[in-house]
């Protein structure tokens, strides 16, 4: 009976140790991944803060109309209804 209890105790100790190590490795993985993303430069499309995609005085509708008349296949894609 004593030997069986000792085996259960050892199994519990080994299980807790393995789970703790795995948890530590997972935490370290996500920590270093987060730190790596922080140090990477953010990609910018080159717009200043006061610039916009649509020039002042124009609307999205104007841009779509301009793109449709600019030649074969060179405009904005339009949604097709089924």
Protein backbone atom coordinates (compact mmCIF):
# COMPACT_ATOMS: atom_id res chain seq x y z
CA UNK A 1 0.00 0.00 0.00
CA UNK A 2 2.86 2.38 0.85
CA UNK A 3 4.63 1.66 -2.48
CA UNK A 4 1.43 2.31 -4.47
CA UNK A 5 0.92 5.67 -2.73
CA UNK A 6 4.55 6.54 -3.40
CA UNK A 7 4.07 5.80 -7.12
CA UNK A 8 0.98 8.02 -7.28
CA UNK A 9 2.91 10.79 -5.54
CA UNK A 10 5.78 10.51 -8.04
CA UNK A 11 3.36 10.46 -10.99
CA UNK A 12 1.65 13.59 -9.68
CA UNK A 13 4.98 15.33 -9.15
CA UNK A 14 6.18 14.46 -12.67
CA UNK A 15 2.87 15.55 -14.24
CA UNK A 16 2.88 18.89 -12.43
CA UNK A 17 6.52 19.48 -13.40
CA UNK A 18 5.93 18.69 -17.08
CA UNK A 19 2.80 20.87 -17.23
CA UNK A 20 4.61 23.73 -15.50
CA UNK A 21 7.50 23.56 -17.97
CA UNK A 22 5.10 23.47 -20.94
CA UNK A 23 3.17 26.44 -19.58
CA UNK A 24 6.41 28.36 -19.08
CA UNK A 25 7.52 27.61 -22.66
CA UNK A 26 4.17 28.75 -24.06
CA UNK A 27 4.32 31.99 -22.08
CA UNK A 28 7.90 32.64 -23.23
CA UNK A 29 6.96 31.95 -26.85
CA UNK A 30 4.12 34.48 -26.81
CA UNK A 31 6.21 37.03 -24.88
CA UNK A 32 9.05 36.95 -27.40
CA UNK A 33 6.59 37.00 -30.29
CA UNK A 34 4.96 40.11 -28.81
CA UNK A 35 8.33 41.79 -28.26
CA UNK A 36 9.40 41.01 -31.84
CA UNK A 37 6.23 42.63 -33.19
CA UNK A 38 6.87 45.72 -31.06
CA UNK A 39 10.36 46.22 -32.46
CA UNK A 40 9.31 45.79 -36.10
CA UNK A 41 8.63 49.01 -37.95
CA UNK A 42 5.01 49.53 -38.85
CA UNK A 43 4.37 49.50 -42.57
CA UNK A 44 3.07 52.74 -43.92
CA UNK A 45 1.63 53.45 -47.32
CA UNK A 46 3.30 56.85 -47.37
CA UNK A 47 0.30 59.01 -46.60
CA UNK A 48 0.66 61.97 -44.30
CA UNK A 49 -1.82 62.27 -41.47
CA UNK A 50 -3.76 65.06 -43.15
CA UNK A 51 -3.96 63.30 -46.54
CA UNK A 52 -6.86 61.07 -47.51
CA UNK A 53 -7.51 58.57 -50.27
CA UNK A 54 -10.36 60.64 -51.70
CA UNK A 55 -9.37 64.21 -52.62
CA UNK A 56 -11.48 67.01 -51.14
CA UNK A 57 -14.52 67.83 -53.25
CA UNK A 58 -14.75 64.36 -54.77
CA UNK A 59 -16.81 61.41 -53.65
CA UNK A 60 -16.42 57.68 -54.00
CA UNK A 61 -19.04 57.77 -56.74
CA UNK A 62 -16.88 60.23 -58.73
CA UNK A 63 -13.86 57.95 -58.40
CA UNK A 64 -15.85 54.94 -59.62
CA UNK A 65 -17.17 56.87 -62.62
CA UNK A 66 -13.65 58.04 -63.51
CA UNK A 67 -12.26 54.53 -63.23
CA UNK A 68 -14.91 53.05 -65.53
CA UNK A 69 -13.98 55.33 -68.39
CA UNK A 70 -10.21 54.90 -68.18
CA UNK A 71 -9.82 51.88 -70.46
CA UNK A 72 -10.12 48.14 -70.61
CA UNK A 73 -9.59 46.44 -67.26
CA UNK A 74 -7.87 49.38 -65.60
CA UNK A 75 -10.63 50.56 -63.29
CA UNK A 76 -11.89 49.66 -59.87
CA UNK A 77 -13.60 46.27 -59.78
CA UNK A 78 -17.35 46.46 -59.43
CA UNK A 79 -19.48 43.91 -57.61
CA UNK A 80 -21.52 41.61 -59.83
CA UNK A 81 -25.00 40.65 -58.69
CA UNK A 82 -26.10 37.04 -59.09
